[in-house]
């Protein structure tokens, strides 16, 4: 199982190509706000950018918080799967995420990285990659602290 990582963010120019690719290819939307990966400035144009995405917690607190099973734990390697048809737009998944990796639109629909890698090839500066889950340290218990 592969895990998505933003490993070379010092190269990022904030173009949002990854977010747009995710929104378009995964979530069938045209806004970078409705993507599983979001890019934020770290304090200004010259100071760099940060990728906000799922850390592939195992166990995933967002999956545990979901009352319907719309967000569920992947079978191995951490991370989650999302079944929009089961979602009741309660927002509990976003509230449970320790790193704010789940975005909610105005209708409370969740958008989370599902580690599919669709965005990786659209990054013009090679900031993103998919790695084998075994090569990534699991989410530590300290990241599960409630907000």
N, C-alpha and C. Protein backbone atom coordinates (compact mmCIF):
# COMPACT_ATOMS: atom_id res chain seq x y z
N UNK A 1 0.84 -1.17 0.00
CA UNK A 1 0.00 0.00 0.00
C UNK A 1 0.89 1.24 0.00
N UNK A 2 0.50 2.23 -0.74
CA UNK A 2 1.30 3.45 -0.88
C UNK A 2 0.70 4.58 -0.03
N UNK A 3 1.59 5.47 0.39
CA UNK A 3 1.22 6.64 1.18
C UNK A 3 1.72 7.88 0.44
N UNK A 4 0.89 8.90 0.41
CA UNK A 4 1.24 10.15 -0.25
C UNK A 4 2.00 11.04 0.73
N UNK A 5 3.08 11.65 0.28
CA UNK A 5 3.87 12.54 1.12
C UNK A 5 4.28 13.78 0.33
N UNK A 6 4.34 14.90 1.03
CA UNK A 6 4.87 16.14 0.48
C UNK A 6 6.28 16.27 1.03
N UNK A 7 7.25 15.82 0.27
CA UNK A 7 8.61 15.67 0.80
C UNK A 7 9.58 16.79 0.42
N UNK A 8 9.28 17.52 -0.62
CA UNK A 8 10.20 18.57 -1.07
C UNK A 8 9.46 19.91 -1.20
N UNK A 9 8.81 20.33 -0.12
CA UNK A 9 7.99 21.54 -0.18
C UNK A 9 8.82 22.81 -0.34
N UNK A 10 10.12 22.75 -0.13
CA UNK A 10 10.95 23.92 -0.36
C UNK A 10 10.95 24.30 -1.84
N UNK A 11 10.56 23.38 -2.71
CA UNK A 11 10.47 23.63 -4.15
C UNK A 11 9.13 24.22 -4.57
N UNK A 12 8.13 24.15 -3.70
CA UNK A 12 6.76 24.54 -4.05
C UNK A 12 6.66 26.04 -4.35
N UNK A 13 5.94 26.38 -5.42
CA UNK A 13 5.72 27.77 -5.79
C UNK A 13 4.27 28.19 -5.53
N UNK A 14 3.48 27.32 -4.95
CA UNK A 14 2.09 27.65 -4.62
C UNK A 14 1.16 27.71 -5.82
N UNK A 15 1.40 26.92 -6.83
CA UNK A 15 0.59 26.97 -8.05
C UNK A 15 -0.74 26.24 -7.91
N UNK A 16 -0.89 25.39 -6.90
CA UNK A 16 -2.11 24.62 -6.64
C UNK A 16 -2.43 23.59 -7.73
N UNK A 17 -1.47 23.26 -8.56
CA UNK A 17 -1.71 22.24 -9.60
C UNK A 17 -2.11 20.91 -8.99
N UNK A 18 -1.50 20.56 -7.87
CA UNK A 18 -1.83 19.29 -7.20
C UNK A 18 -3.27 19.32 -6.68
N UNK A 19 -3.66 20.42 -6.05
CA UNK A 19 -5.02 20.54 -5.53
C UNK A 19 -6.05 20.51 -6.64
N UNK A 20 -5.77 21.21 -7.72
CA UNK A 20 -6.70 21.21 -8.85
C UNK A 20 -6.81 19.84 -9.48
N UNK A 21 -5.70 19.12 -9.58
CA UNK A 21 -5.73 17.76 -10.14
C UNK A 21 -6.56 16.85 -9.25
N UNK A 22 -6.38 16.94 -7.95
CA UNK A 22 -7.16 16.13 -7.02
C UNK A 22 -8.64 16.46 -7.12
N UNK A 23 -8.96 17.74 -7.08
CA UNK A 23 -10.37 18.16 -7.15
C UNK A 23 -11.01 17.65 -8.45
N UNK A 24 -10.30 17.81 -9.54
CA UNK A 24 -10.83 17.43 -10.85
C UNK A 24 -10.91 15.91 -11.04
N UNK A 25 -9.83 15.21 -10.75
CA UNK A 25 -9.74 13.79 -11.05
C UNK A 25 -10.37 12.88 -9.98
N UNK A 26 -10.28 13.27 -8.72
CA UNK A 26 -10.78 12.42 -7.64
C UNK A 26 -12.17 12.85 -7.19
N UNK A 27 -12.36 14.15 -6.99
CA UNK A 27 -13.62 14.65 -6.45
C UNK A 27 -14.56 15.25 -7.49
N UNK A 28 -14.15 15.26 -8.75
CA UNK A 28 -14.99 15.72 -9.87
C UNK A 28 -15.53 17.13 -9.63
N UNK A 29 -14.65 18.01 -9.20
CA UNK A 29 -15.01 19.38 -8.88
C UNK A 29 -13.98 20.32 -9.53
N UNK A 30 -14.26 21.59 -9.53
CA UNK A 30 -13.35 22.54 -10.18
C UNK A 30 -12.73 23.56 -9.23
N UNK A 31 -12.67 23.25 -7.95
CA UNK A 31 -12.13 24.18 -6.98
C UNK A 31 -11.04 23.51 -6.14
N UNK A 32 -9.92 24.20 -5.94
CA UNK A 32 -8.87 23.61 -5.12
C UNK A 32 -9.29 23.53 -3.66
N UNK A 33 -10.38 24.15 -3.28
CA UNK A 33 -10.90 24.03 -1.92
C UNK A 33 -11.62 22.70 -1.70
N UNK A 34 -11.94 22.00 -2.78
CA UNK A 34 -12.60 20.70 -2.69
C UNK A 34 -11.65 19.62 -3.16
N UNK A 35 -10.50 19.56 -2.49
CA UNK A 35 -9.45 18.60 -2.84
C UNK A 35 -8.94 17.94 -1.56
N UNK A 36 -8.33 16.79 -1.72
CA UNK A 36 -7.74 16.09 -0.59
C UNK A 36 -6.40 16.65 -0.16
N UNK A 37 -5.79 17.45 -1.01
CA UNK A 37 -4.54 18.14 -0.67
C UNK A 37 -4.78 19.63 -0.88
N UNK A 38 -4.36 20.41 0.10
CA UNK A 38 -4.49 21.86 0.01
C UNK A 38 -3.13 22.49 0.28
N UNK A 39 -2.84 23.56 -0.42
CA UNK A 39 -1.57 24.26 -0.28
C UNK A 39 -1.82 25.60 0.41
N UNK A 40 -1.04 25.87 1.44
CA UNK A 40 -1.15 27.13 2.18
C UNK A 40 0.20 27.80 2.26
N UNK A 41 0.17 29.12 2.28
CA UNK A 41 1.38 29.88 2.47
C UNK A 41 1.84 29.72 3.91
N UNK A 42 3.15 29.69 4.11
CA UNK A 42 3.68 29.62 5.46
C UNK A 42 4.01 31.00 6.01
N UNK A 43 3.48 32.03 5.40
CA UNK A 43 3.69 33.37 5.94
C UNK A 43 3.99 34.43 4.91
N UNK A 44 3.98 34.09 3.67
CA UNK A 44 4.24 35.07 2.62
C UNK A 44 4.74 34.39 1.38
N UNK A 45 4.69 35.08 0.29
CA UNK A 45 5.08 34.49 -0.99
C UNK A 45 6.54 34.04 -0.97
N UNK A 46 7.41 34.80 -0.34
CA UNK A 46 8.83 34.45 -0.36
C UNK A 46 9.22 33.43 0.71
N UNK A 47 8.30 33.10 1.63
CA UNK A 47 8.70 32.21 2.72
C UNK A 47 8.27 30.76 2.53
N UNK A 48 7.59 30.45 1.44
CA UNK A 48 7.30 29.06 1.15
C UNK A 48 5.86 28.65 1.37
N UNK A 49 5.62 27.37 1.15
CA UNK A 49 4.26 26.83 1.19
C UNK A 49 4.25 25.51 1.96
N UNK A 50 3.07 25.17 2.45
CA UNK A 50 2.87 23.96 3.22
C UNK A 50 1.75 23.16 2.56
N UNK A 51 1.92 21.84 2.49
CA UNK A 51 0.87 20.97 1.98
C UNK A 51 0.09 20.43 3.17
N UNK A 52 -1.23 20.58 3.11
CA UNK A 52 -2.11 20.04 4.15
C UNK A 52 -2.72 18.77 3.56
N UNK A 53 -2.34 17.62 4.11
CA UNK A 53 -2.85 16.36 3.62
C UNK A 53 -2.84 15.31 4.73
N UNK A 54 -3.56 14.25 4.50
CA UNK A 54 -3.69 13.15 5.45
C UNK A 54 -2.32 12.54 5.75
N UNK A 55 -2.05 12.31 7.04
CA UNK A 55 -0.79 11.69 7.44
C UNK A 55 -0.85 10.17 7.48
N UNK A 56 -1.99 9.60 7.12
CA UNK A 56 -2.20 8.15 7.09
C UNK A 56 -2.07 7.54 8.48
N UNK A 57 -2.76 8.14 9.44
CA UNK A 57 -2.77 7.60 10.81
C UNK A 57 -3.30 6.17 10.81
N UNK A 58 -2.76 5.37 11.69
CA UNK A 58 -3.22 4.00 11.85
C UNK A 58 -3.15 3.65 13.33
N UNK A 59 -4.26 3.72 14.02
CA UNK A 59 -5.64 3.87 13.55
C UNK A 59 -5.98 5.33 13.27
N UNK A 60 -6.89 5.52 12.35
CA UNK A 60 -7.29 6.87 11.93
C UNK A 60 -8.41 7.39 12.84
N UNK A 61 -8.17 8.50 13.56
CA UNK A 61 -9.21 9.04 14.43
C UNK A 61 -10.44 9.52 13.66
N UNK A 62 -10.26 9.95 12.42
CA UNK A 62 -11.41 10.40 11.62
C UNK A 62 -12.34 9.23 11.31
N UNK A 63 -11.77 8.07 11.04
CA UNK A 63 -12.58 6.88 10.76
C UNK A 63 -13.33 6.44 12.02
N UNK A 64 -12.66 6.52 13.16
CA UNK A 64 -13.31 6.14 14.41
C UNK A 64 -14.45 7.10 14.75
N UNK A 65 -14.33 8.36 14.35
CA UNK A 65 -15.36 9.35 14.67
C UNK A 65 -16.55 9.31 13.72
N UNK A 66 -16.40 8.70 12.56
CA UNK A 66 -17.47 8.69 11.55
C UNK A 66 -18.57 7.71 11.98
N UNK A 67 -19.80 8.22 12.19
CA UNK A 67 -20.88 7.36 12.68
C UNK A 67 -21.48 6.43 11.62
N UNK A 68 -21.20 6.67 10.34
CA UNK A 68 -21.84 5.88 9.29
C UNK A 68 -20.89 4.96 8.52
N UNK A 69 -19.59 5.10 8.75
CA UNK A 69 -18.63 4.32 8.00
C UNK A 69 -18.29 4.93 6.65
N UNK A 70 -18.69 6.18 6.43
CA UNK A 70 -18.35 6.86 5.17
C UNK A 70 -16.84 7.01 5.04
N UNK A 71 -16.19 7.29 6.16
CA UNK A 71 -14.72 7.30 6.20
C UNK A 71 -14.33 6.07 6.99
N UNK A 72 -13.55 5.20 6.35
CA UNK A 72 -13.14 3.97 7.01
C UNK A 72 -11.64 3.77 6.86
N UNK A 73 -11.07 3.04 7.79
CA UNK A 73 -9.64 2.76 7.80
C UNK A 73 -9.28 1.89 6.60
N UNK A 74 -8.17 2.23 5.91
CA UNK A 74 -7.68 1.35 4.86
C UNK A 74 -7.21 0.05 5.50
N UNK A 75 -7.22 -1.01 4.74
CA UNK A 75 -6.89 -2.34 5.28
C UNK A 75 -5.46 -2.43 5.79
N UNK A 76 -4.53 -1.73 5.17
CA UNK A 76 -3.15 -1.75 5.66
C UNK A 76 -2.46 -0.44 5.30
N UNK A 77 -1.48 -0.08 6.07
CA UNK A 77 -0.65 1.06 5.76
C UNK A 77 -1.15 2.40 6.25
N UNK A 78 -2.26 2.46 6.93
CA UNK A 78 -2.78 3.73 7.42
C UNK A 78 -3.57 4.45 6.34
N UNK A 79 -4.22 5.52 6.74
CA UNK A 79 -5.04 6.29 5.82
C UNK A 79 -6.47 5.77 5.79
N UNK A 80 -7.28 6.42 4.97
CA UNK A 80 -8.70 6.11 4.94
C UNK A 80 -9.23 6.00 3.52
N UNK A 81 -10.43 5.44 3.43
CA UNK A 81 -11.20 5.47 2.19
C UNK A 81 -12.44 6.30 2.48
N UNK A 82 -13.04 6.85 1.45
CA UNK A 82 -14.20 7.72 1.60
C UNK A 82 -15.32 7.23 0.69
N UNK A 83 -16.48 6.99 1.26
CA UNK A 83 -17.68 6.62 0.51
C UNK A 83 -18.69 7.75 0.70
N UNK A 84 -18.71 8.67 -0.26
CA UNK A 84 -19.57 9.84 -0.14
C UNK A 84 -21.05 9.48 0.00
N UNK A 85 -21.47 8.35 -0.56
CA UNK A 85 -22.89 7.98 -0.49
C UNK A 85 -23.33 7.68 0.94
N UNK A 86 -22.38 7.35 1.82
CA UNK A 86 -22.72 7.07 3.21
C UNK A 86 -22.61 8.28 4.12
N UNK A 87 -22.03 9.37 3.61
CA UNK A 87 -21.77 10.55 4.43
C UNK A 87 -23.07 11.30 4.75
N UNK A 88 -23.22 11.66 6.03
CA UNK A 88 -24.39 12.45 6.46
C UNK A 88 -24.01 13.90 6.76
N UNK A 89 -22.82 14.31 6.35
CA UNK A 89 -22.32 15.67 6.51
C UNK A 89 -22.35 16.17 7.95
N UNK A 90 -21.97 15.32 8.89
CA UNK A 90 -21.97 15.71 10.31
C UNK A 90 -20.71 16.46 10.71
N UNK A 91 -19.60 16.29 9.97
CA UNK A 91 -18.35 17.00 10.26
C UNK A 91 -17.52 16.39 11.37
N UNK A 92 -17.94 15.26 11.93
CA UNK A 92 -17.20 14.64 13.02
C UNK A 92 -15.81 14.18 12.59
N UNK A 93 -15.68 13.79 11.34
CA UNK A 93 -14.37 13.35 10.83
C UNK A 93 -13.37 14.50 10.86
N UNK A 94 -13.79 15.67 10.39
CA UNK A 94 -12.90 16.84 10.37
C UNK A 94 -12.53 17.26 11.78
N UNK A 95 -13.48 17.21 12.69
CA UNK A 95 -13.21 17.59 14.08
C UNK A 95 -12.23 16.62 14.73
N UNK A 96 -12.24 15.36 14.32
CA UNK A 96 -11.36 14.35 14.92
C UNK A 96 -9.96 14.34 14.33
N UNK A 97 -9.77 14.92 13.16
CA UNK A 97 -8.45 14.88 12.51
C UNK A 97 -7.46 15.75 13.28
N UNK A 98 -6.33 15.17 13.71
CA UNK A 98 -5.37 15.93 14.51
C UNK A 98 -4.55 16.94 13.72
N UNK A 99 -4.60 16.90 12.39
CA UNK A 99 -3.79 17.82 11.58
C UNK A 99 -4.60 18.64 10.60
N UNK A 100 -5.91 18.73 10.80
CA UNK A 100 -6.81 19.50 9.92
C UNK A 100 -6.70 19.10 8.46
N UNK A 101 -6.53 17.81 8.20
CA UNK A 101 -6.35 17.33 6.83
C UNK A 101 -7.68 17.10 6.11
N UNK A 102 -8.79 17.21 6.82
CA UNK A 102 -10.09 17.01 6.19
C UNK A 102 -10.76 18.37 6.03
N UNK A 103 -10.99 18.74 4.78
CA UNK A 103 -11.68 20.00 4.50
C UNK A 103 -13.16 19.72 4.34
N UNK A 104 -13.97 20.66 4.77
CA UNK A 104 -15.42 20.57 4.60
C UNK A 104 -15.87 21.74 3.74
N UNK A 105 -16.75 21.47 2.75
CA UNK A 105 -17.31 22.57 1.97
C UNK A 105 -18.50 23.15 2.73
N UNK A 106 -19.21 24.08 2.13
CA UNK A 106 -20.32 24.74 2.83
C UNK A 106 -21.44 23.77 3.17
N UNK A 107 -21.56 22.68 2.44
CA UNK A 107 -22.59 21.67 2.73
C UNK A 107 -22.07 20.59 3.69
N UNK A 108 -20.85 20.79 4.24
CA UNK A 108 -20.22 19.85 5.16
C UNK A 108 -19.77 18.54 4.50
N UNK A 109 -19.58 18.53 3.18
CA UNK A 109 -19.03 17.37 2.49
C UNK A 109 -17.53 17.30 2.77
N UNK A 110 -17.01 16.14 3.16
CA UNK A 110 -15.58 16.03 3.48
C UNK A 110 -14.71 15.80 2.24
N UNK A 111 -13.51 16.35 2.30
CA UNK A 111 -12.49 16.16 1.27
C UNK A 111 -11.20 15.78 1.98
N UNK A 112 -10.70 14.58 1.71
CA UNK A 112 -9.51 14.08 2.39
C UNK A 112 -8.64 13.34 1.38
N UNK A 113 -7.35 13.38 1.60
CA UNK A 113 -6.42 12.63 0.76
C UNK A 113 -6.64 11.13 0.97
N UNK A 114 -6.86 10.42 -0.12
CA UNK A 114 -7.05 8.97 -0.04
C UNK A 114 -5.80 8.24 -0.55
N UNK A 115 -4.71 8.97 -0.71
CA UNK A 115 -3.41 8.39 -1.08
C UNK A 115 -3.46 7.67 -2.42
N UNK A 116 -4.17 8.25 -3.37
CA UNK A 116 -4.27 7.65 -4.70
C UNK A 116 -3.11 8.06 -5.60
N UNK A 117 -2.49 9.20 -5.33
CA UNK A 117 -1.34 9.65 -6.11
C UNK A 117 -1.68 10.41 -7.38
N UNK A 118 -2.94 10.70 -7.62
CA UNK A 118 -3.33 11.42 -8.84
C UNK A 118 -2.64 12.78 -8.94
N UNK A 119 -2.39 13.43 -7.82
CA UNK A 119 -1.82 14.78 -7.81
C UNK A 119 -0.32 14.79 -8.11
N UNK A 120 0.37 13.70 -7.83
CA UNK A 120 1.83 13.67 -7.89
C UNK A 120 2.35 14.08 -9.26
N UNK A 121 1.79 13.53 -10.31
CA UNK A 121 2.30 13.82 -11.66
C UNK A 121 1.99 15.24 -12.12
N UNK A 122 1.10 15.94 -11.44
CA UNK A 122 0.75 17.31 -11.83
C UNK A 122 1.58 18.37 -11.12
N UNK A 123 2.40 17.98 -10.16
CA UNK A 123 3.26 18.94 -9.48
C UNK A 123 4.45 19.26 -10.39
N UNK A 124 4.57 20.51 -10.85
CA UNK A 124 5.64 20.83 -11.80
C UNK A 124 7.03 20.89 -11.17
N UNK A 125 7.12 20.85 -9.85
CA UNK A 125 8.43 20.95 -9.19
C UNK A 125 8.79 19.72 -8.37
N UNK A 126 8.08 18.62 -8.59
CA UNK A 126 8.42 17.35 -7.96
C UNK A 126 8.45 17.43 -6.43
N UNK A 127 7.44 18.09 -5.86
CA UNK A 127 7.35 18.24 -4.40
C UNK A 127 6.71 17.05 -3.73
N UNK A 128 5.95 16.26 -4.48
CA UNK A 128 5.13 15.19 -3.93
C UNK A 128 5.61 13.83 -4.39
N UNK A 129 5.30 12.80 -3.58
CA UNK A 129 5.63 11.44 -3.99
C UNK A 129 4.73 10.45 -3.27
N UNK A 130 4.67 9.24 -3.83
CA UNK A 130 4.02 8.11 -3.18
C UNK A 130 5.12 7.17 -2.74
N UNK A 131 5.05 6.71 -1.48
CA UNK A 131 6.04 5.78 -0.96
C UNK A 131 5.32 4.58 -0.36
N UNK A 132 6.01 3.47 -0.27
CA UNK A 132 5.43 2.30 0.36
C UNK A 132 5.16 2.60 1.82
N UNK A 133 4.03 2.14 2.31
CA UNK A 133 3.62 2.42 3.69
C UNK A 133 4.64 1.92 4.70
N UNK A 134 5.31 0.83 4.41
CA UNK A 134 6.30 0.28 5.34
C UNK A 134 7.48 1.23 5.53
N UNK A 135 7.73 2.11 4.56
CA UNK A 135 8.86 3.03 4.64
C UNK A 135 8.52 4.28 5.44
N UNK A 136 7.27 4.42 5.85
CA UNK A 136 6.82 5.61 6.57
C UNK A 136 6.51 5.23 8.00
N UNK A 137 7.00 6.02 8.94
CA UNK A 137 6.69 5.77 10.35
C UNK A 137 5.20 5.98 10.59
N UNK A 138 4.55 5.11 11.36
CA UNK A 138 3.12 5.27 11.63
C UNK A 138 2.86 6.54 12.44
N UNK A 139 1.65 7.03 12.35
CA UNK A 139 1.26 8.21 13.12
C UNK A 139 1.42 7.90 14.60
N UNK A 140 2.12 8.73 15.31
CA UNK A 140 2.36 8.50 16.73
C UNK A 140 1.12 8.82 17.55
N UNK A 141 1.00 8.21 18.70
CA UNK A 141 -0.14 8.46 19.58
C UNK A 141 -0.27 9.94 19.89
N UNK A 142 0.83 10.67 19.93
CA UNK A 142 0.77 12.08 20.26
C UNK A 142 0.00 12.89 19.22
N UNK A 143 -0.11 12.39 18.00
CA UNK A 143 -0.85 13.13 16.98
C UNK A 143 -2.35 12.94 17.13
N UNK A 144 -2.77 12.05 18.01
CA UNK A 144 -4.19 11.77 18.20
C UNK A 144 -4.81 12.65 19.28
N UNK A 145 -4.12 13.67 19.72
CA UNK A 145 -4.65 14.55 20.75
C UNK A 145 -5.83 15.31 20.17
N UNK A 146 -6.94 15.32 20.87
CA UNK A 146 -8.14 16.01 20.39
C UNK A 146 -7.90 17.52 20.35
N UNK A 147 -8.54 18.16 19.40
CA UNK A 147 -8.42 19.61 19.26
C UNK A 147 -9.23 20.31 20.32
